[in-house]
Amino acid sequence: MSHLDDERIALIAMGEPAGSDADMEHLVECENCAAEVAAMSRVALVARSSVVEGDLESPPADVWSRIHGELGLTSAVAADPASDVHPPESESASAPAASAPVPAAGPATAIEADAAEAVAPRHRSRVRPRRRSSATMWILAASMALVVAIGAGVWIARTLTPSSAVIASAELAAFPDHPDAEGQARIDDDGDGRRTLTVTLDGDELVAGDYREVWLIREDGQALISLGVLDDSSGTFRVPDSVDLDEYRLVDISFEPVDGDPAHSGDSIVRGELDFA
């Protein structure tokens, strides 16, 4: 009896269409081939169960082509198994006969159940599974490694990527000379200890020749640090690592004249104290 070739068995085990009516009839009648499909389906199931939930990134297109070339595989498995593109069926392929059970493309558990029915005849003890070729095992091993590697990459990216968190905020109240102004401030920590101050300012009008500057001021008002110029209604500024925010708790936005003097002008628009609760 002529058996199904190893590549066809591997494709069926991984959920690919089985092929012609003759292939299906052989799979139903041949205990050896059915047992091969069942065994390889278990390997495919283990590979699928190793993937974490979430969106997976597709590997570069040349990964499968290099595997294909290295193993010297046929054109029947030339298409990247990680893509949605499958090689066209041969012209001789036709719809499976209604009377023959067809292993459906899908989860490995369904294929395994069909294969189990195929090996149900009485002489199961006499089944001698054929030795799998090295090429077949390489196909399964490469597919399983590819799936596991992609899943591990997603898990590592999610686990190791630092997450930003707001650690303090403040409502910025207007000074008497700027009654319509209002603002907000927040301190973000990126998870690696880098901190940023984000401020928003509404209700003020920038006077020609002036600019607005963002400050951190010590609670006693005796020391202050300039973080930069606020060009728009909002801006984000890096807080130096050496700055103790427990000490420099006041956020201030001021009007500054273009006079070459780096000191605070004394014309504050809004100011507020950071709350770390």
C-alpha atoms as a PDB file:
ATOM      1  CA  MET A   1       0.000   0.000   0.000  1.00  0.00           C
ATOM      2  CA  SER A   2       1.257   3.473  -0.901  1.00  0.00           C
ATOM      3  CA  HIS A   3       1.126   5.774   2.110  1.00  0.00           C
ATOM      4  CA  LEU A   4       0.592   9.549   2.292  1.00  0.00           C
ATOM      5  CA  ASP A   5       3.862  11.412   2.056  1.00  0.00           C
ATOM      6  CA  ASP A   6       5.289  12.942   5.242  1.00  0.00           C
ATOM      7  CA  GLU A   7       4.709  16.560   4.181  1.00  0.00           C
ATOM      8  CA  ARG A   8       1.000  15.931   3.528  1.00  0.00           C
ATOM      9  CA  ILE A   9       0.635  14.254   6.941  1.00  0.00           C
ATOM     10  CA  ALA A  10       2.379  17.210   8.617  1.00  0.00           C
ATOM     11  CA  LEU A  11       0.087  19.721   6.879  1.00  0.00           C
ATOM     12  CA  ILE A  12      -3.045  17.809   7.906  1.00  0.00           C
ATOM     13  CA  ALA A  13      -1.799  17.669  11.513  1.00  0.00           C
ATOM     14  CA  MET A  14      -1.318  21.455  11.526  1.00  0.00           C
ATOM     15  CA  GLY A  15      -4.859  22.074  10.271  1.00  0.00           C
ATOM     16  CA  GLU A  16      -4.310  22.440   6.522  1.00  0.00           C
ATOM     17  CA  PRO A  17      -6.807  21.085   3.941  1.00  0.00           C
ATOM     18  CA  ALA A  18      -6.254  17.362   3.449  1.00  0.00           C
ATOM     19  CA  GLY A  19      -6.247  17.371  -0.358  1.00  0.00           C
ATOM     20  CA  SER A  20      -7.892  14.943  -2.789  1.00  0.00           C
ATOM     21  CA  ASP A  21     -10.594  12.346  -2.217  1.00  0.00           C
ATOM     22  CA  ALA A  22      -7.973   9.655  -2.652  1.00  0.00           C
ATOM     23  CA  ASP A  23      -5.913  11.133   0.193  1.00  0.00           C
ATOM     24  CA  MET A  24      -8.944  11.182   2.447  1.00  0.00           C
ATOM     25  CA  GLU A  25      -9.986   7.644   1.602  1.00  0.00           C
ATOM     26  CA  HIS A  26      -6.465   6.481   2.327  1.00  0.00           C
ATOM     27  CA  LEU A  27      -6.444   8.307   5.680  1.00  0.00           C
ATOM     28  CA  VAL A  28      -9.702   6.577   6.660  1.00  0.00           C
ATOM     29  CA  GLU A  29      -8.466   3.116   5.616  1.00  0.00           C
ATOM     30  CA  CYS A  30      -4.795   3.269   6.645  1.00  0.00           C
ATOM     31  CA  GLU A  31      -4.201   2.849  10.365  1.00  0.00           C
ATOM     32  CA  ASN A  32      -0.547   3.814  10.049  1.00  0.00           C
ATOM     33  CA  CYS A  33      -1.187   7.202   8.411  1.00  0.00           C
ATOM     34  CA  ALA A  34      -4.072   7.989  10.778  1.00  0.00           C
ATOM     35  CA  ALA A  35      -1.832   7.253  13.761  1.00  0.00           C
ATOM     36  CA  GLU A  36       0.841   9.573  12.301  1.00  0.00           C
ATOM     37  CA  VAL A  37      -1.693  12.409  11.971  1.00  0.00           C
ATOM     38  CA  ALA A  38      -2.884  11.908  15.559  1.00  0.00           C
ATOM     39  CA  ALA A  39       0.669  11.928  16.957  1.00  0.00           C
ATOM     40  CA  MET A  40       1.710  15.032  15.025  1.00  0.00           C
ATOM     41  CA  SER A  41      -1.534  16.823  15.977  1.00  0.00           C
ATOM     42  CA  ARG A  42      -0.512  16.549  19.620  1.00  0.00           C
ATOM     43  CA  VAL A  43       2.757  18.341  18.827  1.00  0.00           C
ATOM     44  CA  ALA A  44       0.862  21.127  17.025  1.00  0.00           C
ATOM     45  CA  LEU A  45      -1.530  21.428  19.986  1.00  0.00           C
ATOM     46  CA  VAL A  46       1.374  21.897  22.414  1.00  0.00           C
ATOM     47  CA  ALA A  47       2.786  24.654  20.202  1.00  0.00           C
ATOM     48  CA  ARG A  48      -0.524  26.514  20.048  1.00  0.00           C
ATOM     49  CA  SER A  49      -1.096  26.260  23.808  1.00  0.00           C
ATOM     50  CA  SER A  50       2.303  27.918  24.449  1.00  0.00           C
ATOM     51  CA  VAL A  51       1.173  31.256  22.995  1.00  0.00           C
ATOM     52  CA  VAL A  52       0.109  33.989  25.425  1.00  0.00           C
ATOM     53  CA  GLU A  53      -3.051  35.964  24.778  1.00  0.00           C
ATOM     54  CA  GLY A  54      -2.760  39.227  22.871  1.00  0.00           C
ATOM     55  CA  ASP A  55      -1.871  40.555  19.473  1.00  0.00           C
ATOM     56  CA  LEU A  56       1.120  38.806  17.933  1.00  0.00           C
ATOM     57  CA  GLU A  57       3.701  40.452  15.773  1.00  0.00           C
ATOM     58  CA  SER A  58       4.361  38.786  12.446  1.00  0.00           C
ATOM     59  CA  PRO A  59       7.962  37.629  11.893  1.00  0.00           C
ATOM     60  CA  PRO A  60       9.907  38.983   8.907  1.00  0.00           C
ATOM     61  CA  ALA A  61       8.842  37.442   5.602  1.00  0.00           C
ATOM     62  CA  ASP A  62      12.239  35.889   4.961  1.00  0.00           C
ATOM     63  CA  VAL A  63      12.230  33.722   8.129  1.00  0.00           C
ATOM     64  CA  TRP A  64      10.169  30.899   6.625  1.00  0.00           C
ATOM     65  CA  SER A  65      11.924  31.175   3.256  1.00  0.00           C
ATOM     66  CA  ARG A  66      15.287  30.576   4.966  1.00  0.00           C
ATOM     67  CA  ILE A  67      13.850  27.564   6.852  1.00  0.00           C
ATOM     68  CA  HIS A  68      12.337  26.270   3.617  1.00  0.00           C
ATOM     69  CA  GLY A  69      15.620  26.607   1.721  1.00  0.00           C
ATOM     70  CA  GLU A  70      17.742  25.135   4.509  1.00  0.00           C
ATOM     71  CA  LEU A  71      15.585  22.002   4.697  1.00  0.00           C
ATOM     72  CA  GLY A  72      15.172  21.662   0.929  1.00  0.00           C
ATOM     73  CA  LEU A  73      11.391  21.407   1.166  1.00  0.00           C
ATOM     74  CA  THR A  74       9.036  21.201  -1.799  1.00  0.00           C
ATOM     75  CA  SER A  75       6.913  23.998  -3.252  1.00  0.00           C
ATOM     76  CA  ALA A  76       3.842  22.556  -1.487  1.00  0.00           C
ATOM     77  CA  VAL A  77       5.030  24.170   1.759  1.00  0.00           C
ATOM     78  CA  ALA A  78       6.650  27.261   0.273  1.00  0.00           C
ATOM     79  CA  ALA A  79       4.066  29.670   1.727  1.00  0.00           C
ATOM     80  CA  ASP A  80       4.841  31.289   5.080  1.00  0.00           C
ATOM     81  CA  PRO A  81       2.774  29.352   7.717  1.00  0.00           C
ATOM     82  CA  ALA A  82       2.528  32.561   9.801  1.00  0.00           C
ATOM     83  CA  SER A  83       0.623  34.336   7.015  1.00  0.00           C
ATOM     84  CA  ASP A  84      -2.904  33.904   5.741  1.00  0.00           C
ATOM     85  CA  VAL A  85      -1.671  32.876   2.269  1.00  0.00           C
ATOM     86  CA  HIS A  86      -1.745  29.166   1.437  1.00  0.00           C
ATOM     87  CA  PRO A  87      -0.513  27.459  -1.735  1.00  0.00           C
ATOM     88  CA  PRO A  88      -3.316  26.674  -4.190  1.00  0.00           C
ATOM     89  CA  GLU A  89      -4.640  23.161  -4.244  1.00  0.00           C
ATOM     90  CA  SER A  90      -3.564  21.002  -7.155  1.00  0.00           C
ATOM     91  CA  GLU A  91      -5.879  20.789 -10.142  1.00  0.00           C
ATOM     92  CA  SER A  92      -6.639  17.184  -9.273  1.00  0.00           C
ATOM     93  CA  ALA A  93      -8.040  18.198  -5.859  1.00  0.00           C
ATOM     94  CA  SER A  94     -11.800  18.117  -5.558  1.00  0.00           C
ATOM     95  CA  ALA A  95     -14.458  18.375  -2.879  1.00  0.00           C
ATOM     96  CA  PRO A  96     -14.292  15.506  -0.363  1.00  0.00           C
ATOM     97  CA  ALA A  97     -16.818  12.694  -0.903  1.00  0.00           C
ATOM     98  CA  ALA A  98     -19.902  13.027   1.277  1.00  0.00           C
ATOM     99  CA  SER A  99     -19.465   9.492   2.607  1.00  0.00           C
ATOM    100  CA  ALA A 100     -15.860   9.972   3.737  1.00  0.00           C
ATOM    101  CA  PRO A 101     -15.165  11.752   7.079  1.00  0.00           C
ATOM    102  CA  VAL A 102     -12.951  14.791   6.405  1.00  0.00           C
ATOM    103  CA  PRO A 103     -10.462  16.041   8.981  1.00  0.00           C
ATOM    104  CA  ALA A 104     -11.530  19.717   9.132  1.00  0.00           C
ATOM    105  CA  ALA A 105      -8.981  22.540   9.145  1.00  0.00           C
ATOM    106  CA  GLY A 106      -9.050  24.035  12.618  1.00  0.00           C
ATOM    107  CA  PRO A 107      -7.919  23.243  16.166  1.00  0.00           C
ATOM    108  CA  ALA A 108      -5.684  20.276  16.626  1.00  0.00           C
ATOM    109  CA  THR A 109      -8.235  18.679  18.948  1.00  0.00           C
ATOM    110  CA  ALA A 110     -10.735  18.233  16.089  1.00  0.00           C
ATOM    111  CA  ILE A 111      -8.127  16.614  13.829  1.00  0.00           C
ATOM    112  CA  GLU A 112      -7.020  14.375  16.646  1.00  0.00           C
ATOM    113  CA  ALA A 113     -10.589  13.192  17.205  1.00  0.00           C
ATOM    114  CA  ASP A 114     -11.006  12.330  13.508  1.00  0.00           C
ATOM    115  CA  ALA A 115      -7.706  10.490  13.480  1.00  0.00           C
ATOM    116  CA  ALA A 116      -8.745   8.530  16.573  1.00  0.00           C
ATOM    117  CA  GLU A 117     -11.871   7.323  14.752  1.00  0.00           C
ATOM    118  CA  ALA A 118      -9.756   6.227  11.799  1.00  0.00           C
ATOM    119  CA  VAL A 119      -7.592   3.971  13.946  1.00  0.00           C
ATOM    120  CA  ALA A 120     -10.576   2.365  15.666  1.00  0.00           C
ATOM    121  CA  PRO A 121     -10.598  -0.924  13.599  1.00  0.00           C
ATOM    122  CA  ARG A 122     -10.037  -4.141  15.423  1.00  0.00           C
ATOM    123  CA  HIS A 123      -6.382  -4.729  14.629  1.00  0.00           C
ATOM    124  CA  ARG A 124      -5.033  -1.652  16.375  1.00  0.00           C
ATOM    125  CA  SER A 125      -2.402  -3.710  18.180  1.00  0.00           C
ATOM    126  CA  ARG A 126      -0.819  -4.547  14.813  1.00  0.00           C
ATOM    127  CA  VAL A 127      -0.329  -0.879  13.825  1.00  0.00           C
ATOM    128  CA  ARG A 128       3.297  -0.009  13.198  1.00  0.00           C
ATOM    129  CA  PRO A 129       3.663   3.741  12.728  1.00  0.00           C
ATOM    130  CA  ARG A 130       6.154   4.595  10.023  1.00  0.00           C
ATOM    131  CA  ARG A 131       9.349   6.303  11.000  1.00  0.00           C
ATOM    132  CA  ARG A 132       8.971  10.001  10.493  1.00  0.00           C
ATOM    133  CA  SER A 133      11.465  11.565   8.148  1.00  0.00           C
ATOM    134  CA  SER A 134      13.824  14.222   9.464  1.00  0.00           C
ATOM    135  CA  ALA A 135      12.224  16.743   7.096  1.00  0.00           C
ATOM    136  CA  THR A 136       8.780  16.178   8.647  1.00  0.00           C
ATOM    137  CA  MET A 137      10.074  16.595  12.160  1.00  0.00           C
ATOM    138  CA  TRP A 138      11.953  19.739  11.118  1.00  0.00           C
ATOM    139  CA  ILE A 139       8.709  21.206   9.734  1.00  0.00           C
ATOM    140  CA  LEU A 140       6.883  20.578  13.007  1.00  0.00           C
ATOM    141  CA  ALA A 141       9.801  21.707  15.170  1.00  0.00           C
ATOM    142  CA  ALA A 142      10.298  24.905  13.151  1.00  0.00           C
ATOM    143  CA  SER A 143       6.574  25.740  13.270  1.00  0.00           C
ATOM    144  CA  MET A 144       6.375  25.127  16.994  1.00  0.00           C
ATOM    145  CA  ALA A 145       9.513  27.167  17.677  1.00  0.00           C
ATOM    146  CA  LEU A 146       8.191  30.034  15.560  1.00  0.00           C
ATOM    147  CA  VAL A 147       4.866  30.146  17.424  1.00  0.00           C
ATOM    148  CA  VAL A 148       6.490  29.912  20.865  1.00  0.00           C
ATOM    149  CA  ALA A 149       9.088  32.575  20.017  1.00  0.00           C
ATOM    150  CA  ILE A 150       6.431  35.036  18.864  1.00  0.00           C
ATOM    151  CA  GLY A 151       4.351  34.422  21.980  1.00  0.00           C
ATOM    152  CA  ALA A 152       7.380  34.817  24.242  1.00  0.00           C
ATOM    153  CA  GLY A 153       8.261  38.084  22.515  1.00  0.00           C
ATOM    154  CA  VAL A 154       4.803  39.491  23.216  1.00  0.00           C
ATOM    155  CA  TRP A 155       5.014  38.401  26.869  1.00  0.00           C
ATOM    156  CA  ILE A 156       8.467  39.956  27.333  1.00  0.00           C
ATOM    157  CA  ALA A 157       7.405  43.216  25.701  1.00  0.00           C
ATOM    158  CA  ARG A 158       4.379  43.488  27.978  1.00  0.00           C
ATOM    159  CA  THR A 159       6.241  42.459  31.121  1.00  0.00           C
ATOM    160  CA  LEU A 160       9.424  44.495  30.745  1.00  0.00           C
ATOM    161  CA  THR A 161       8.108  47.732  29.204  1.00  0.00           C
ATOM    162  CA  PRO A 162       7.943  50.347  32.003  1.00  0.00           C
ATOM    163  CA  SER A 163       4.501  51.901  32.542  1.00  0.00           C
ATOM    164  CA  SER A 164       4.103  55.627  33.175  1.00  0.00           C
ATOM    165  CA  ALA A 165       2.200  56.743  36.277  1.00  0.00           C
ATOM    166  CA  VAL A 166       1.020  60.078  37.655  1.00  0.00           C
ATOM    167  CA  ILE A 167       2.662  60.557  41.065  1.00  0.00           C
ATOM    168  CA  ALA A 168       1.543  64.129  41.884  1.00  0.00           C
ATOM    169  CA  SER A 169      -0.833  66.829  40.649  1.00  0.00           C
ATOM    170  CA  ALA A 170      -1.782  70.417  41.394  1.00  0.00           C
ATOM    171  CA  GLU A 171      -4.448  72.987  40.613  1.00  0.00           C
ATOM    172  CA  LEU A 172      -2.764  76.281  39.682  1.00  0.00           C
ATOM    173  CA  ALA A 173      -4.600  79.304  41.071  1.00  0.00           C
ATOM    174  CA  ALA A 174      -4.501  82.740  39.405  1.00  0.00           C
ATOM    175  CA  PHE A 175      -2.684  85.750  40.849  1.00  0.00           C
ATOM    176  CA  PRO A 176      -4.643  89.022  41.257  1.00  0.00           C
ATOM    177  CA  ASP A 177      -3.113  90.591  38.134  1.00  0.00           C
ATOM    178  CA  HIS A 178      -4.366  87.621  36.046  1.00  0.00           C
ATOM    179  CA  PRO A 179      -7.888  86.902  37.375  1.00  0.00           C
ATOM    180  CA  ASP A 180      -9.048  84.880  34.340  1.00  0.00           C
ATOM    181  CA  ALA A 181      -6.099  82.507  34.301  1.00  0.00           C
ATOM    182  CA  GLU A 182      -6.285  78.921  35.505  1.00  0.00           C
ATOM    183  CA  GLY A 183      -3.990  75.962  35.165  1.00  0.00           C
ATOM    184  CA  GLN A 184      -3.197  72.389  36.075  1.00  0.00           C
ATOM    185  CA  ALA A 185       0.041  70.481  36.645  1.00  0.00           C
ATOM    186  CA  ARG A 186       1.000  66.846  37.025  1.00  0.00           C
ATOM    187  CA  ILE A 187       4.184  64.871  37.634  1.00  0.00           C
ATOM    188  CA  ASP A 188       4.639  61.604  35.701  1.00  0.00           C
ATOM    189  CA  ASP A 189       7.144  58.830  36.472  1.00  0.00           C
ATOM    190  CA  ASP A 190       7.990  56.619  33.456  1.00  0.00           C
ATOM    191  CA  GLY A 191       8.758  53.566  35.603  1.00  0.00           C
ATOM    192  CA  ASP A 192      12.548  53.992  35.338  1.00  0.00           C
ATOM    193  CA  GLY A 193      12.725  56.981  37.681  1.00  0.00           C
ATOM    194  CA  ARG A 194      12.553  59.656  34.954  1.00  0.00           C
ATOM    195  CA  ARG A 195      10.055  62.353  35.937  1.00  0.00           C
ATOM    196  CA  THR A 196       8.291  64.963  33.811  1.00  0.00           C
ATOM    197  CA  LEU A 197       6.120  67.958  34.684  1.00  0.00           C
ATOM    198  CA  THR A 198       3.158  68.654  32.380  1.00  0.00           C
ATOM    199  CA  VAL A 199       1.330  71.993  32.745  1.00  0.00           C
ATOM    200  CA  THR A 200      -1.715  73.525  31.064  1.00  0.00           C
ATOM    201  CA  LEU A 201      -2.644  77.215  31.181  1.00  0.00           C
ATOM    202  CA  ASP A 202      -5.902  78.846  30.063  1.00  0.00           C
ATOM    203  CA  GLY A 203      -7.382  82.347  30.227  1.00  0.00           C
ATOM    204  CA  ASP A 204      -4.223  84.443  29.842  1.00  0.00           C
ATOM    205  CA  GLU A 205      -3.026  86.633  27.003  1.00  0.00           C
ATOM    206  CA  LEU A 206       0.629  86.785  26.100  1.00  0.00           C
ATOM    207  CA  VAL A 207       1.846  90.366  25.904  1.00  0.00           C
ATOM    208  CA  ALA A 208       4.002  91.218  22.894  1.00  0.00           C
ATOM    209  CA  GLY A 209       7.678  90.996  23.799  1.00  0.00           C
ATOM    210  CA  ASP A 210       7.079  88.732  26.804  1.00  0.00           C
ATOM    211  CA  TYR A 211       7.177  84.982  27.249  1.00  0.00           C
ATOM    212  CA  ARG A 212       5.986  82.490  29.870  1.00  0.00           C
ATOM    213  CA  GLU A 213       8.334  80.413  32.012  1.00  0.00           C
ATOM    214  CA  VAL A 214       7.678  77.321  34.157  1.00  0.00           C
ATOM    215  CA  TRP A 215       9.266  77.061  37.620  1.00  0.00           C
ATOM    216  CA  LEU A 216       9.570  74.729  40.584  1.00  0.00           C
ATOM    217  CA  ILE A 217       9.788  76.746  43.807  1.00  0.00           C
ATOM    218  CA  ARG A 218      10.846  75.604  47.253  1.00  0.00           C
ATOM    219  CA  GLU A 219       8.119  75.776  49.889  1.00  0.00           C
ATOM    220  CA  ASP A 220       9.861  78.602  51.755  1.00  0.00           C
ATOM    221  CA  GLY A 221      10.107  80.631  48.520  1.00  0.00           C
ATOM    222  CA  GLN A 222      13.865  81.073  48.913  1.00  0.00           C
ATOM    223  CA  ALA A 223      14.969  78.886  45.983  1.00  0.00           C
ATOM    224  CA  LEU A 224      13.545  78.151  42.564  1.00  0.00           C
ATOM    225  CA  ILE A 225      14.394  76.129  39.433  1.00  0.00           C
ATOM    226  CA  SER A 226      13.464  77.058  35.871  1.00  0.00           C
ATOM    227  CA  LEU A 227      12.241  74.111  33.794  1.00  0.00           C
ATOM    228  CA  GLY A 228      11.753  75.972  30.514  1.00  0.00           C
ATOM    229  CA  VAL A 229       9.601  78.239  28.365  1.00  0.00           C
ATOM    230  CA  LEU A 230       5.877  77.521  27.869  1.00  0.00           C
ATOM    231  CA  ASP A 231       5.220  78.311  24.197  1.00  0.00           C
ATOM    232  CA  ASP A 232       1.629  77.032  23.960  1.00  0.00           C
ATOM    233  CA  SER A 233      -1.276  76.435  26.302  1.00  0.00           C
ATOM    234  CA  SER A 234       0.386  73.225  27.520  1.00  0.00           C
ATOM    235  CA  GLY A 235       3.875  71.769  27.720  1.00  0.00           C
ATOM    236  CA  THR A 236       5.905  68.923  29.225  1.00  0.00           C
ATOM    237  CA  PHE A 237       9.283  69.439  30.911  1.00  0.00           C
ATOM    238  CA  ARG A 238      11.895  67.029  32.273  1.00  0.00           C
ATOM    239  CA  VAL A 239      12.455  67.289  36.024  1.00  0.00           C
ATOM    240  CA  PRO A 240      16.184  66.910  36.828  1.00  0.00           C
ATOM    241  CA  ASP A 241      16.994  63.735  38.761  1.00  0.00           C
ATOM    242  CA  SER A 242      18.648  65.768  41.528  1.00  0.00           C
ATOM    243  CA  VAL A 243      15.503  67.787  42.319  1.00  0.00           C
ATOM    244  CA  ASP A 244      13.706  66.712  45.514  1.00  0.00           C
ATOM    245  CA  LEU A 245      10.008  67.209  44.790  1.00  0.00           C
ATOM    246  CA  ASP A 246       9.182  66.865  48.489  1.00  0.00           C
ATOM    247  CA  GLU A 247      11.097  70.112  48.877  1.00  0.00           C
ATOM    248  CA  TYR A 248      10.261  71.862  45.579  1.00  0.00           C
ATOM    249  CA  ARG A 249       6.504  71.420  45.769  1.00  0.00           C
ATOM    250  CA  LEU A 250       5.290  74.703  44.211  1.00  0.00           C
ATOM    251  CA  VAL A 251       4.632  74.919  40.463  1.00  0.00           C
ATOM    252  CA  ASP A 252       4.679  78.461  39.068  1.00  0.00           C
ATOM    253  CA  ILE A 253       4.111  79.956  35.598  1.00  0.00           C
ATOM    254  CA  SER A 254       5.273  83.539  35.126  1.00  0.00           C
ATOM    255  CA  PHE A 255       5.411  86.300  32.515  1.00  0.00           C
ATOM    256  CA  GLU A 256       9.019  87.152  31.697  1.00  0.00           C
ATOM    257  CA  PRO A 257      10.289  90.141  29.712  1.00  0.00           C
ATOM    258  CA  VAL A 258      12.978  89.638  27.090  1.00  0.00           C
ATOM    259  CA  ASP A 259      15.600  91.566  29.058  1.00  0.00           C
ATOM    260  CA  GLY A 260      18.434  89.047  29.391  1.00  0.00           C
ATOM    261  CA  ASP A 261      17.792  88.563  33.124  1.00  0.00           C
ATOM    262  CA  PRO A 262      17.338  84.834  33.960  1.00  0.00           C
ATOM    263  CA  ALA A 263      15.790  85.568  37.374  1.00  0.00           C
ATOM    264  CA  HIS A 264      12.063  85.329  38.053  1.00  0.00           C
ATOM    265  CA  SER A 265      10.309  88.561  37.014  1.00  0.00           C
ATOM    266  CA  GLY A 266       7.969  88.556  40.014  1.00  0.00           C
ATOM    267  CA  ASP A 267       4.969  88.539  37.656  1.00  0.00           C
ATOM    268  CA  SER A 268       3.414  85.132  38.351  1.00  0.00           C
ATOM    269  CA  ILE A 269       0.325  84.119  36.396  1.00  0.00           C
ATOM    270  CA  VAL A 270      -0.676  80.969  38.330  1.00  0.00           C
ATOM    271  CA  ARG A 271       0.798  78.882  41.128  1.00  0.00           C
ATOM    272  CA  GLY A 272      -0.121  75.726  43.026  1.00  0.00           C
ATOM    273  CA  GLU A 273       1.278  73.092  45.399  1.00  0.00           C
ATOM    274  CA  LEU A 274       1.857  69.504  44.277  1.00  0.00           C
ATOM    275  CA  ASP A 275      -0.263  66.892  45.997  1.00  0.00           C
ATOM    276  CA  PHE A 276       1.327  63.421  46.207  1.00  0.00           C
ATOM    277  CA  ALA A 277      -1.753  61.736  47.703  1.00  0.00           C
END
